[in-house]
Amino acid sequence: MSGFLIDTNAISMFAPSRMEPSHAFAAWMDEQERSNSIYLSTITIHEIEKGIRMLGYRGASSKAAALGIWLTGLTTVYAANILSLDAAIARISGELEATAVSKGHNPGAADAMIAGTAKAHDLTVITNNITDFAPFSVAAKSPDQIAG
């Protein structure tokens, strides 16, 4: 498999009430979607769902509802391209996170699992936080880098 694993912060650019992605990035995403090379991690779905629920707990129910509808659409559109965390990916992720920690980084489990998913499937991570993925030695590019 080859293609692109879209990090939570990059796919969230397309969420309602968010800063819109650049025209170039949106066009790039459209092109990649047509060639079926865009993937999401179940970790990204988790992070978005957590954010929606936290908004609801803080009383932002209409924003949470709009994001919930968006997430439902996202999981429907990408259903066949949402990659789960299985035992093999969990082991790769654990190795990547341990290596990063041993070198003085503290990347966090979510990014490690996204990086492990990318490594297991030979995907490039698209993220607005390139430095967060540097300790994992996986291919990562920002939306500006790929759309430019």
Protein backbone atom coordinates (compact mmCIF):
# COMPACT_ATOMS: atom_id res chain seq x y z
CA MET A 1 0.00 0.00 0.00
CA SER A 2 1.19 3.51 -0.64
CA GLY A 3 -0.48 6.82 -0.14
CA PHE A 4 -1.10 9.31 2.62
CA LEU A 5 -2.24 8.99 6.22
CA ILE A 6 -3.94 12.25 7.12
CA ASP A 7 -3.24 13.33 10.70
CA THR A 8 -6.03 14.64 12.90
CA ASN A 9 -4.92 18.26 12.65
CA ALA A 10 -4.82 18.11 8.84
CA ILE A 11 -8.22 16.48 8.29
CA SER A 12 -9.70 18.83 10.89
CA MET A 13 -8.96 21.72 8.55
CA PHE A 14 -12.05 20.56 6.65
CA ALA A 15 -14.31 20.59 9.72
CA PRO A 16 -17.10 23.14 10.03
CA SER A 17 -16.20 26.37 11.82
CA ARG A 18 -12.50 25.77 11.31
CA MET A 19 -10.03 27.80 9.32
CA GLU A 20 -10.45 26.55 5.78
CA PRO A 21 -7.56 24.70 4.16
CA SER A 22 -5.68 26.41 1.40
CA HIS A 23 -7.13 26.03 -2.07
CA ALA A 24 -4.00 24.13 -3.09
CA PHE A 25 -4.32 21.63 -0.22
CA ALA A 26 -8.04 21.12 -0.87
CA ALA A 27 -7.32 20.50 -4.56
CA TRP A 28 -4.52 18.07 -3.65
CA MET A 29 -6.89 16.18 -1.33
CA ASP A 30 -9.50 15.95 -4.11
CA GLU A 31 -6.90 14.57 -6.50
CA GLN A 32 -5.67 12.01 -3.97
CA GLU A 33 -9.22 10.97 -3.11
CA ARG A 34 -9.89 10.26 -6.79
CA SER A 35 -6.86 7.95 -6.85
CA ASN A 36 -7.94 6.32 -3.55
CA SER A 37 -4.68 7.17 -1.77
CA ILE A 38 -6.05 8.98 1.32
CA TYR A 39 -6.24 7.06 4.59
CA LEU A 40 -7.28 7.86 8.15
CA SER A 41 -6.34 6.10 11.35
CA THR A 42 -8.85 4.94 13.92
CA ILE A 43 -6.75 7.04 16.31
CA THR A 44 -7.80 10.15 14.36
CA ILE A 45 -11.44 9.12 14.68
CA HIS A 46 -10.87 8.72 18.43
CA GLU A 47 -9.25 12.15 18.75
CA ILE A 48 -12.07 13.87 16.85
CA GLU A 49 -14.76 12.05 18.83
CA LYS A 50 -13.03 13.00 22.08
CA GLY A 51 -12.93 16.65 20.98
CA ILE A 52 -16.62 16.60 20.08
CA ARG A 53 -17.58 15.08 23.43
CA MET A 54 -15.43 17.61 25.32
CA LEU A 55 -17.22 20.45 23.51
CA GLY A 56 -20.52 18.96 24.61
CA TYR A 57 -19.37 18.72 28.22
CA ARG A 58 -18.37 22.40 28.07
CA GLY A 59 -21.82 23.41 26.84
CA ALA A 60 -20.97 24.01 23.17
CA SER A 61 -23.72 21.64 22.08
CA SER A 62 -24.50 23.17 18.68
CA LYS A 63 -20.82 23.16 17.67
CA ALA A 64 -20.50 19.59 18.96
CA ALA A 65 -23.57 18.55 16.96
CA ALA A 66 -22.20 20.10 13.75
CA LEU A 67 -18.87 18.36 14.25
CA GLY A 68 -20.66 15.10 15.00
CA ILE A 69 -22.45 15.31 11.66
CA TRP A 70 -19.13 16.10 9.95
CA LEU A 71 -17.46 13.11 11.64
CA THR A 72 -20.27 10.81 10.54
CA GLY A 73 -19.78 12.00 6.97
CA LEU A 74 -16.01 11.59 7.26
CA THR A 75 -16.28 8.01 8.50
CA THR A 76 -18.80 7.24 5.76
CA VAL A 77 -16.70 8.70 2.95
CA TYR A 78 -13.45 7.10 4.13
CA ALA A 79 -14.98 3.87 5.53
CA ALA A 80 -12.86 1.59 3.36
CA ASN A 81 -9.74 3.66 4.04
CA ILE A 82 -9.86 3.88 7.83
CA LEU A 83 -6.97 1.83 9.16
CA SER A 84 -7.38 0.04 12.46
CA LEU A 85 -4.81 -0.48 15.15
CA ASP A 86 -4.08 -4.20 15.27
CA ALA A 87 -1.47 -6.15 17.26
CA ALA A 88 1.24 -5.72 14.61
CA ILE A 89 0.73 -1.96 14.41
CA ALA A 90 0.58 -1.74 18.21
CA ARG A 91 4.00 -3.41 18.38
CA ILE A 92 5.47 -1.10 15.74
CA SER A 93 3.97 1.91 17.54
CA GLY A 94 5.37 0.77 20.87
CA GLU A 95 8.81 0.37 19.33
CA LEU A 96 8.65 3.81 17.70
CA GLU A 97 7.50 5.50 20.90
CA ALA A 98 10.14 3.74 23.04
CA THR A 99 12.89 4.74 20.60
CA ALA A 100 11.69 8.35 20.64
CA VAL A 101 11.53 8.42 24.44
CA SER A 102 15.01 6.88 24.70
CA LYS A 103 16.30 9.83 22.65
CA GLY A 104 14.70 12.40 24.96
CA HIS A 105 11.41 12.99 23.14
CA ASN A 106 7.95 12.60 24.64
CA PRO A 107 5.71 12.24 21.58
CA GLY A 108 2.65 10.68 23.18
CA ALA A 109 0.84 7.48 22.38
CA ALA A 110 -1.62 8.91 19.82
CA ASP A 111 1.10 10.24 17.52
CA ALA A 112 3.11 7.05 18.01
CA MET A 113 0.10 4.96 16.93
CA ILE A 114 -0.50 7.16 13.89
CA ALA A 115 3.20 6.89 13.01
CA GLY A 116 3.09 3.11 13.54
CA THR A 117 0.08 2.85 11.24
CA ALA A 118 1.90 4.88 8.58
CA LYS A 119 5.03 2.75 8.88
CA ALA A 120 3.10 -0.54 8.75
CA HIS A 121 1.28 0.52 5.58
CA ASP A 122 4.13 2.48 3.92
CA LEU A 123 2.18 5.75 4.04
CA THR A 124 3.34 9.35 4.34
CA VAL A 125 1.81 11.23 7.27
CA ILE A 126 0.27 14.57 6.33
CA THR A 127 0.36 16.80 9.40
CA ASN A 128 0.60 20.39 10.51
CA ASN A 129 3.03 19.22 13.21
CA ILE A 130 6.01 17.82 11.30
CA THR A 131 8.25 18.07 14.36
CA ASP A 132 5.90 15.76 16.31
CA PHE A 133 6.60 12.98 13.82
CA ALA A 134 10.35 13.55 13.38
CA PRO A 135 11.32 11.24 16.30
CA PHE A 136 9.54 8.33 14.60
CA SER A 137 11.57 8.35 11.38
CA VAL A 138 8.46 8.04 9.21
CA ALA A 139 7.80 10.07 6.09
CA ALA A 140 5.84 13.19 7.05
CA LYS A 141 4.91 16.32 5.15
CA SER A 142 2.84 19.37 5.92
CA PRO A 143 -0.22 20.34 3.86
CA ASP A 144 1.79 23.31 2.56
CA GLN A 145 4.67 21.07 1.44
CA ILE A 146 2.52 18.72 -0.55
CA ALA A 147 0.20 21.31 -2.00
CA GLY A 148 2.92 23.76 -2.97
